[in-house]
Amino acid sequence: MNHYATEQFSSSEEDILRRYFTNLDQPVFALVNLPEVVKGALFARYSRTHKSLRRLFLDEFVEDLDVSGDHSIDATVGLAKAEELYQRVFVEYGDDSVAQLGGVHLACEQASNLLTKVLEWGRLMSYLEQSTRYLSYDTRIDGRYRYHRDPEILGSPIGTKYVGEMDRIFESYGELVPLMQDYYRSEHAQGSDIGDLAYRQTIRAKAFDAVRGLLPAASLSNVGIYGTGQAYEGLLLRMRAHPLPEARSYADLMLLELRKVIPSFLRRVDVAERGVAWSRYLEANQSAMREFAELLTKDIPTNPAPEVDLIDWDPDGERKMLAAMLYPYTQLPETQLVDLVDDMTSDQRLDLVRRYVGERGNRRHRPGRALERLDYRFDILGDYGGF
C-alpha cells in the first residue's frame, strides 16, 4: 500500500521533469543532467519552502535554464551503460575506492522526523532538511496534515484514534502560530532600519521556533542528500537493518532510484552473501545490545538529571591544544612541545591563542584544527522539535 501523496503535473511539465528527475510519482528521486550549481541551489532553496523539489524546479528554476538540447533525454529510464562500465572493476575486484568517485543528489520527500534522523546519520554525506523554523507546518498535502501514516497503524484498531489525535495536534499548532506572531509583534516593534519583509520574516521565524516543539516525531519533512556511492551503500545497509518499518521500506525506494544513476556502486546491497549478510550482522548486533541493556536496566529507576550536563572533558586539554597550535610551525615532537607549554606564562599562552585565532571577520573565518584537540561530552535531554 502506497501511503505517500502523489503530486500531479501537466503533460508539458512531465515532459520537462523526466529529463532531470528519475521518476515523477515517488517520494524518492535522483537529480540528473543538471549543472552542479543548479542542484546545489535547488537543495538550498528546498529547506525553506513547502514545495516539493520537482515543483520548485518548475516554478523557480526551469526558466533560467536552456533545456532545448535535452528533448531526447529521459532520466526515468535506467542507465545500463553505467552498469557495464564499473561492473568488472567494482564487483569482480571489490575495489571500494571506486565507489567514492561517483556522487548523487537524492531528494527524499515525505519522510517522518524519525526517518530524517536515520537518513542524516552518516558522517560522509551532505544534507539539507526542510526547516521547522522557517515554514508553517499546518499546511496540507492532498488535504491531509503532514504526518506519517504507517499502513500497519492505520489498519489497526487504533488507526482512527491515531489520525484524530494527530489532526488535533496540528490544529493546535495552527491556532498557536498567529497568537505567537501577535505576541512577538507586541514585544519587538519594527525598527526604522528594518524593512517590512525582513520584519515579517523575523516575526514568523520566532513564532515557528516557539511552537515547533509541539510537532510530533511523525511530522513529515523533505531532505536533500548528496553522497558518494560508498556512503549511500552504508546508509542503505543500516536502513535495511533498522527496527523502524518506515526506514526499511524507504530504503527500497532509495535503492530503486539510486540504481538508475549509480547502479554498480550499489550492486552488493541486496546480494545474499554480501549486503544482506552485512545488514543481518548489524541487525543481530542491535538486537543483542537491546536485550542486554533491557535486562541490565529493567529494575533501575531513572535518576533526575539536568537538561544539559557536561559529563566528561580532558583536564589536560588546554595543554594539548596549545601544543597542537605550535606543532605545524616547529620541528619539535609533540611531547617536547607540551613541556614547553607547561613552562609558558599565562600571558604567553593567551598570546599564542590570539595569534592562532587571528582577526576573525565573521563566523566563517575558522582557525586551524588544533581546536579539535579538545574534547567535551554533553548529555542533552531534548525533544524532536528542538533537534
Protein backbone atom coordinates (compact mmCIF):
# COMPACT_ATOMS: atom_id res chain seq x y z
CA MET A 1 0.00 0.00 0.00
CA ASN A 2 1.47 3.34 -1.08
CA HIS A 3 0.67 5.90 1.62
CA TYR A 4 2.65 8.72 0.01
CA ALA A 5 0.87 11.62 -1.67
CA THR A 6 1.44 11.78 -5.43
CA GLU A 7 1.91 15.19 -6.98
CA GLN A 8 0.15 15.94 -10.25
CA PHE A 9 1.88 17.57 -13.21
CA SER A 10 0.64 18.65 -16.61
CA SER A 11 1.85 16.79 -19.68
CA SER A 12 4.17 19.67 -20.60
CA GLU A 13 5.59 19.73 -17.07
CA GLU A 14 6.14 15.98 -17.17
CA ASP A 15 7.99 16.37 -20.46
CA ILE A 16 10.45 18.73 -18.78
CA LEU A 17 10.74 16.88 -15.47
CA ARG A 18 11.54 13.47 -16.90
CA ARG A 19 14.75 14.91 -18.35
CA TYR A 20 16.13 15.74 -14.90
CA PHE A 21 14.42 13.51 -12.32
CA THR A 22 14.46 9.73 -12.14
CA ASN A 23 10.71 9.46 -11.52
CA LEU A 24 7.66 11.71 -11.36
CA ASP A 25 5.42 9.94 -8.85
CA GLN A 26 7.52 8.66 -5.93
CA PRO A 27 8.81 10.48 -2.82
CA VAL A 28 12.41 9.49 -3.56
CA PHE A 29 14.16 10.53 -6.77
CA ALA A 30 17.60 11.46 -8.04
CA LEU A 31 18.60 14.64 -9.87
CA VAL A 32 20.47 14.15 -13.14
CA ASN A 33 21.56 16.08 -16.24
CA LEU A 34 21.72 19.37 -14.34
CA PRO A 35 24.74 21.60 -13.58
CA GLU A 36 26.11 21.04 -10.09
CA VAL A 37 25.43 24.65 -9.14
CA VAL A 38 21.75 24.20 -10.04
CA LYS A 39 21.47 21.05 -7.92
CA GLY A 40 23.08 22.85 -5.01
CA ALA A 41 20.84 25.89 -5.39
CA LEU A 42 17.75 23.68 -5.57
CA PHE A 43 18.68 21.95 -2.32
CA ALA A 44 19.50 25.25 -0.64
CA ARG A 45 16.07 26.64 -1.56
CA TYR A 46 14.49 23.30 -0.62
CA SER A 47 14.99 23.85 3.11
CA ARG A 48 12.76 26.95 3.20
CA THR A 49 9.80 26.10 1.01
CA HIS A 50 6.66 24.00 1.26
CA LYS A 51 7.05 22.98 -2.37
CA SER A 52 8.29 19.61 -3.49
CA LEU A 53 11.63 19.71 -5.28
CA ARG A 54 10.08 18.98 -8.67
CA ARG A 55 7.51 21.75 -8.24
CA LEU A 56 10.23 24.10 -7.01
CA PHE A 57 12.28 23.33 -10.11
CA LEU A 58 9.35 24.10 -12.39
CA ASP A 59 8.32 27.29 -10.61
CA GLU A 60 11.66 28.90 -9.86
CA PHE A 61 14.48 27.33 -11.88
CA VAL A 62 13.45 25.99 -15.26
CA GLU A 63 13.03 29.42 -16.87
CA ASP A 64 16.68 30.20 -16.19
CA LEU A 65 17.93 27.03 -17.89
CA ASP A 66 18.40 26.22 -21.55
CA VAL A 67 16.54 22.91 -21.82
CA SER A 68 16.21 22.96 -25.59
CA GLY A 69 19.01 20.45 -26.10
CA ASP A 70 17.62 17.91 -23.65
CA HIS A 71 14.48 16.82 -25.51
CA SER A 72 15.75 13.30 -26.15
CA ILE A 73 16.77 12.64 -22.54
CA ASP A 74 14.57 10.51 -20.31
CA ALA A 75 16.11 10.18 -16.84
CA THR A 76 13.31 7.89 -15.68
CA VAL A 77 14.94 5.09 -17.69
CA GLY A 78 17.83 3.24 -16.02
CA LEU A 79 21.35 3.75 -17.35
CA ALA A 80 22.57 0.34 -18.50
CA LYS A 81 25.91 1.64 -19.76
CA ALA A 82 26.93 2.74 -16.28
CA GLU A 83 26.33 -0.82 -15.07
CA GLU A 84 28.67 -2.21 -17.70
CA LEU A 85 31.32 0.45 -17.14
CA TYR A 86 32.08 -0.31 -13.49
CA GLN A 87 30.98 -3.90 -13.08
CA ARG A 88 34.32 -5.61 -13.64
CA VAL A 89 36.39 -3.22 -11.52
CA PHE A 90 33.96 -2.74 -8.67
CA VAL A 91 32.23 -6.10 -8.35
CA GLU A 92 34.87 -8.55 -9.52
CA TYR A 93 37.83 -6.86 -7.86
CA GLY A 94 35.97 -5.37 -4.90
CA ASP A 95 37.70 -2.00 -5.10
CA ASP A 96 35.65 0.08 -2.66
CA SER A 97 37.58 3.23 -3.53
CA VAL A 98 35.84 3.30 -6.92
CA ALA A 99 32.52 3.88 -5.13
CA GLN A 100 33.94 7.08 -3.64
CA LEU A 101 34.23 8.67 -7.08
CA GLY A 102 30.58 8.92 -8.10
CA GLY A 103 28.04 11.07 -6.28
CA VAL A 104 24.28 11.58 -6.45
CA HIS A 105 21.89 14.33 -5.40
CA LEU A 106 18.88 12.48 -3.98
CA ALA A 107 15.60 14.05 -2.87
CA CYS A 108 13.83 12.26 -0.01
CA GLU A 109 10.34 13.64 0.49
CA GLN A 110 7.51 12.95 2.95
CA ALA A 111 9.93 11.44 5.48
CA SER A 112 8.96 11.40 9.15
CA ASN A 113 11.11 13.21 11.68
CA LEU A 114 12.24 9.81 12.93
CA LEU A 115 13.31 8.81 9.43
CA THR A 116 15.20 12.06 8.81
CA LYS A 117 17.48 11.22 11.74
CA VAL A 118 18.19 7.84 10.18
CA LEU A 119 18.90 9.42 6.80
CA GLU A 120 21.25 12.01 8.32
CA TRP A 121 23.26 9.62 10.49
CA GLY A 122 26.16 9.14 8.07
CA ARG A 123 29.14 11.46 8.53
CA LEU A 124 30.37 11.42 4.94
CA MET A 125 27.29 12.89 3.29
CA SER A 126 25.75 16.35 2.96
CA TYR A 127 22.17 17.14 3.98
CA LEU A 128 19.63 19.94 3.73
CA GLU A 129 16.39 19.42 5.62
CA GLN A 130 13.16 21.37 5.44
CA SER A 131 13.22 23.74 8.40
CA THR A 132 10.50 23.89 11.06
CA ARG A 133 11.90 27.30 11.99
CA TYR A 134 11.04 28.97 8.70
CA LEU A 135 7.97 27.06 7.48
CA SER A 136 4.48 26.71 8.86
CA TYR A 137 3.60 23.06 9.36
CA ASP A 138 -0.17 23.41 9.31
CA THR A 139 -0.23 23.30 5.50
CA ARG A 140 -1.58 20.09 3.99
CA ILE A 141 -0.58 17.59 1.33
CA ASP A 142 -3.53 16.25 -0.65
CA GLY A 143 -5.83 17.68 2.02
CA ARG A 144 -4.06 15.87 4.87
CA TYR A 145 -1.85 17.23 7.61
CA ARG A 146 1.82 16.47 7.21
CA TYR A 147 2.46 13.45 9.39
CA HIS A 148 3.46 9.87 8.65
CA ARG A 149 0.64 7.40 8.21
CA ASP A 150 2.04 3.93 8.75
CA PRO A 151 -0.16 1.42 6.89
CA GLU A 152 0.04 -1.06 9.76
CA ILE A 153 -1.14 1.52 12.28
CA LEU A 154 -3.92 2.80 10.02
CA GLY A 155 -5.18 -0.75 9.55
CA SER A 156 -5.15 -1.50 13.27
CA PRO A 157 -7.89 -0.86 15.88
CA ILE A 158 -6.13 2.38 16.89
CA GLY A 159 -5.87 3.74 13.33
CA THR A 160 -8.83 6.11 13.60
CA LYS A 161 -7.74 7.35 17.01
CA TYR A 162 -4.20 7.92 15.72
CA VAL A 163 -5.44 10.11 12.86
CA GLY A 164 -7.80 12.03 15.14
CA GLU A 165 -5.17 12.77 17.77
CA MET A 166 -2.57 13.75 15.20
CA ASP A 167 -5.01 16.07 13.45
CA ARG A 168 -5.74 17.77 16.77
CA ILE A 169 -2.04 18.34 17.39
CA PHE A 170 -1.64 20.05 14.03
CA GLU A 171 -4.83 22.06 14.54
CA SER A 172 -3.46 23.29 17.88
CA TYR A 173 -0.18 24.15 16.18
CA GLY A 174 -2.05 26.15 13.53
CA GLU A 175 -4.00 28.05 16.19
CA LEU A 176 -0.90 28.92 18.21
CA VAL A 177 1.24 30.28 15.36
CA PRO A 178 -0.78 33.51 14.79
CA LEU A 179 -1.09 34.01 18.55
CA MET A 180 2.68 33.82 18.92
CA GLN A 181 3.14 36.19 15.99
CA ASP A 182 0.89 38.73 17.72
CA TYR A 183 2.89 38.28 20.91
CA TYR A 184 6.26 38.84 19.25
CA ARG A 185 4.98 41.87 17.36
CA SER A 186 3.95 43.37 20.69
CA GLU A 187 7.34 42.56 22.21
CA HIS A 188 9.51 43.57 19.24
CA ALA A 189 8.47 46.71 17.44
CA GLN A 190 9.68 47.21 13.88
CA GLY A 191 12.71 49.46 13.85
CA SER A 192 13.13 52.22 11.30
CA ASP A 193 16.13 50.40 9.84
CA ILE A 194 14.24 47.12 9.26
CA GLY A 195 12.24 46.60 6.08
CA ASP A 196 8.69 45.22 6.11
CA LEU A 197 9.65 41.89 4.56
CA ALA A 198 12.57 41.31 6.91
CA TYR A 199 10.40 42.20 9.90
CA ARG A 200 7.61 39.82 8.86
CA GLN A 201 10.09 37.01 8.29
CA THR A 202 11.70 37.60 11.68
CA ILE A 203 8.35 37.53 13.49
CA ARG A 204 7.28 34.39 11.64
CA ALA A 205 10.55 32.65 12.46
CA LYS A 206 10.22 33.50 16.15
CA ALA A 207 6.65 32.16 16.20
CA PHE A 208 7.57 28.95 14.38
CA ASP A 209 10.55 28.48 16.66
CA ALA A 210 8.38 28.85 19.76
CA VAL A 211 5.67 26.44 18.61
CA ARG A 212 7.62 23.77 16.74
CA GLY A 213 8.23 21.77 19.91
CA LEU A 214 4.56 20.79 19.65
CA LEU A 215 5.16 18.96 16.38
CA PRO A 216 5.21 15.16 16.80
CA ALA A 217 8.01 12.87 15.68
CA ALA A 218 5.73 11.70 12.86
CA SER A 219 5.84 15.15 11.22
CA LEU A 220 6.87 14.93 7.58
CA SER A 221 9.87 16.69 6.11
CA ASN A 222 11.84 16.84 2.88
CA VAL A 223 15.56 16.07 2.90
CA GLY A 224 18.08 16.68 0.16
CA ILE A 225 21.12 14.40 0.27
CA TYR A 226 24.40 14.43 -1.60
CA GLY A 227 26.74 11.50 -1.15
CA THR A 228 29.07 9.08 -2.88
CA GLY A 229 28.13 5.56 -3.89
CA GLN A 230 30.05 4.18 -0.93
CA ALA A 231 28.23 6.47 1.51
CA TYR A 232 24.84 5.52 0.06
CA GLU A 233 25.72 1.83 0.31
CA GLY A 234 26.50 2.21 4.01
CA LEU A 235 23.30 4.17 4.58
CA LEU A 236 21.14 1.59 2.82
CA LEU A 237 22.73 -1.30 4.71
CA ARG A 238 21.93 0.44 8.00
CA MET A 239 18.39 1.28 6.91
CA ARG A 240 17.66 -2.29 5.84
CA ALA A 241 18.63 -3.44 9.35
CA HIS A 242 16.76 -0.66 11.17
CA PRO A 243 13.89 -1.50 13.56
CA LEU A 244 11.75 1.33 12.12
CA PRO A 245 9.49 -0.11 9.37
CA GLU A 246 9.44 3.22 7.56
CA ALA A 247 13.24 3.16 7.29
CA ARG A 248 13.27 -0.33 5.79
CA SER A 249 10.60 0.40 3.19
CA TYR A 250 12.16 3.77 2.35
CA ALA A 251 15.49 2.03 1.74
CA ASP A 252 13.84 0.06 -1.07
CA LEU A 253 12.61 3.29 -2.67
CA MET A 254 16.07 4.83 -2.43
CA LEU A 255 17.82 1.78 -3.84
CA LEU A 256 15.49 1.75 -6.84
CA GLU A 257 16.26 5.38 -7.73
CA LEU A 258 19.98 5.23 -6.99
CA ARG A 259 20.39 2.25 -9.27
CA LYS A 260 19.18 4.39 -12.14
CA VAL A 261 22.28 6.59 -11.83
CA ILE A 262 25.00 4.62 -9.97
CA PRO A 263 23.89 1.00 -10.40
CA SER A 264 27.18 -0.84 -9.92
CA PHE A 265 28.09 1.09 -6.79
CA LEU A 266 25.05 -0.44 -5.10
CA ARG A 267 25.15 -3.88 -6.66
CA ARG A 268 26.06 -5.60 -3.38
CA VAL A 269 23.29 -4.14 -1.23
CA ASP A 270 20.74 -6.91 -1.80
CA VAL A 271 23.12 -9.76 -2.67
CA ALA A 272 22.60 -12.54 -0.13
CA GLU A 273 26.23 -13.21 0.78
CA ARG A 274 27.24 -9.53 0.67
CA GLY A 275 24.89 -6.70 1.60
CA VAL A 276 22.13 -8.88 3.02
CA ALA A 277 24.63 -10.66 5.26
CA TRP A 278 26.03 -7.29 6.33
CA SER A 279 22.57 -5.96 7.24
CA ARG A 280 21.81 -9.14 9.17
CA TYR A 281 25.04 -8.69 11.09
CA LEU A 282 24.03 -5.14 12.05
CA GLU A 283 20.52 -6.26 12.97
CA ALA A 284 21.82 -9.13 15.13
CA ASN A 285 24.19 -6.81 16.99
CA GLN A 286 21.44 -4.28 17.65
CA SER A 287 19.09 -6.99 18.88
CA ALA A 288 21.73 -8.43 21.20
CA MET A 289 22.51 -5.00 22.63
CA ARG A 290 18.85 -4.13 23.18
CA GLU A 291 18.31 -7.41 25.01
CA PHE A 292 21.39 -6.91 27.18
CA ALA A 293 20.53 -3.29 28.01
CA GLU A 294 16.92 -4.14 28.89
CA LEU A 295 17.97 -6.93 31.25
CA LEU A 296 20.61 -4.74 32.85
CA THR A 297 18.40 -1.70 33.45
CA LYS A 298 14.84 -3.05 33.75
CA ASP A 299 14.61 -2.59 37.54
CA ILE A 300 16.70 0.56 37.79
CA PRO A 301 14.82 3.87 38.23
CA THR A 302 15.97 6.86 36.20
CA ASN A 303 17.84 9.42 38.26
CA PRO A 304 16.90 13.09 37.83
CA ALA A 305 19.40 14.91 35.63
CA PRO A 306 19.76 18.41 34.20
CA GLU A 307 18.64 19.03 30.63
CA VAL A 308 22.22 19.89 29.66
CA ASP A 309 25.02 18.18 31.53
CA LEU A 310 28.76 18.39 30.83
CA ILE A 311 29.73 14.86 31.82
CA ASP A 312 33.28 14.48 30.57
CA TRP A 313 36.24 16.58 29.46
CA ASP A 314 40.00 16.34 29.27
CA PRO A 315 41.66 18.23 32.15
CA ASP A 316 44.86 18.37 30.08
CA GLY A 317 43.01 19.59 27.01
CA GLU A 318 44.36 23.13 27.14
CA ARG A 319 47.98 21.94 27.25
CA LYS A 320 47.37 19.59 24.33
CA MET A 321 45.58 22.27 22.33
CA LEU A 322 48.39 24.80 22.77
CA ALA A 323 50.97 22.21 21.77
CA ALA A 324 48.88 21.34 18.70
CA MET A 325 48.79 25.02 17.74
CA LEU A 326 52.58 25.12 17.72
CA TYR A 327 53.16 21.70 16.15
CA PRO A 328 52.91 22.59 12.40
CA TYR A 329 55.30 25.52 12.84
CA THR A 330 58.20 23.74 14.57
CA GLN A 331 60.41 20.69 14.13
CA LEU A 332 59.87 19.54 17.71
CA PRO A 333 57.95 16.39 18.72
CA GLU A 334 54.63 16.95 20.44
CA THR A 335 55.80 15.66 23.83
CA GLN A 336 58.51 18.31 23.87
CA LEU A 337 56.03 20.99 22.87
CA VAL A 338 53.77 20.01 25.78
CA ASP A 339 56.73 20.53 28.12
CA LEU A 340 57.33 23.95 26.57
CA VAL A 341 53.68 24.85 27.08
CA ASP A 342 53.96 23.88 30.75
CA ASP A 343 56.74 26.44 31.14
CA MET A 344 54.79 29.25 29.45
CA THR A 345 53.23 32.05 31.47
CA SER A 346 49.52 32.80 31.26
CA ASP A 347 50.25 35.86 29.13
CA GLN A 348 52.31 33.77 26.71
CA ARG A 349 49.52 31.22 26.43
CA LEU A 350 46.97 33.94 25.72
CA ASP A 351 49.28 35.48 23.13
CA LEU A 352 49.64 32.09 21.42
CA VAL A 353 45.87 31.60 21.26
CA ARG A 354 45.28 35.12 19.94
CA ARG A 355 47.88 34.67 17.21
CA TYR A 356 46.45 31.30 16.24
CA VAL A 357 42.85 32.53 16.08
CA GLY A 358 43.77 35.82 14.40
CA GLU A 359 41.36 38.60 13.48
CA ARG A 360 38.13 36.82 12.59
CA GLY A 361 35.93 38.94 10.35
CA ASN A 362 32.92 36.62 10.70
CA ARG A 363 31.92 33.16 11.89
CA ARG A 364 33.17 31.55 8.68
CA HIS A 365 36.74 32.58 9.42
CA ARG A 366 37.79 29.45 11.25
CA PRO A 367 41.24 28.89 12.74
CA GLY A 368 43.12 25.62 12.29
CA ARG A 369 42.34 22.15 13.56
CA ALA A 370 44.29 22.42 16.80
CA LEU A 371 40.98 23.28 18.50
CA GLU A 372 39.85 19.73 17.71
CA ARG A 373 42.38 18.53 20.27
CA LEU A 374 39.86 19.45 22.97
CA ASP A 375 37.09 17.02 23.90
CA TYR A 376 33.85 17.80 25.72
CA ARG A 377 30.96 15.38 26.11
CA PHE A 378 27.47 16.66 26.91
CA ASP A 379 24.37 14.69 27.85
CA ILE A 380 21.40 16.65 26.49
CA LEU A 381 17.72 15.98 27.10
CA GLY A 382 15.62 17.47 24.30
CA ASP A 383 12.69 16.81 22.02
CA TYR A 384 12.49 16.17 18.30
CA GLY A 385 11.16 19.66 17.67
CA GLY A 386 14.34 21.17 19.04
CA PHE A 387 16.59 18.57 17.46
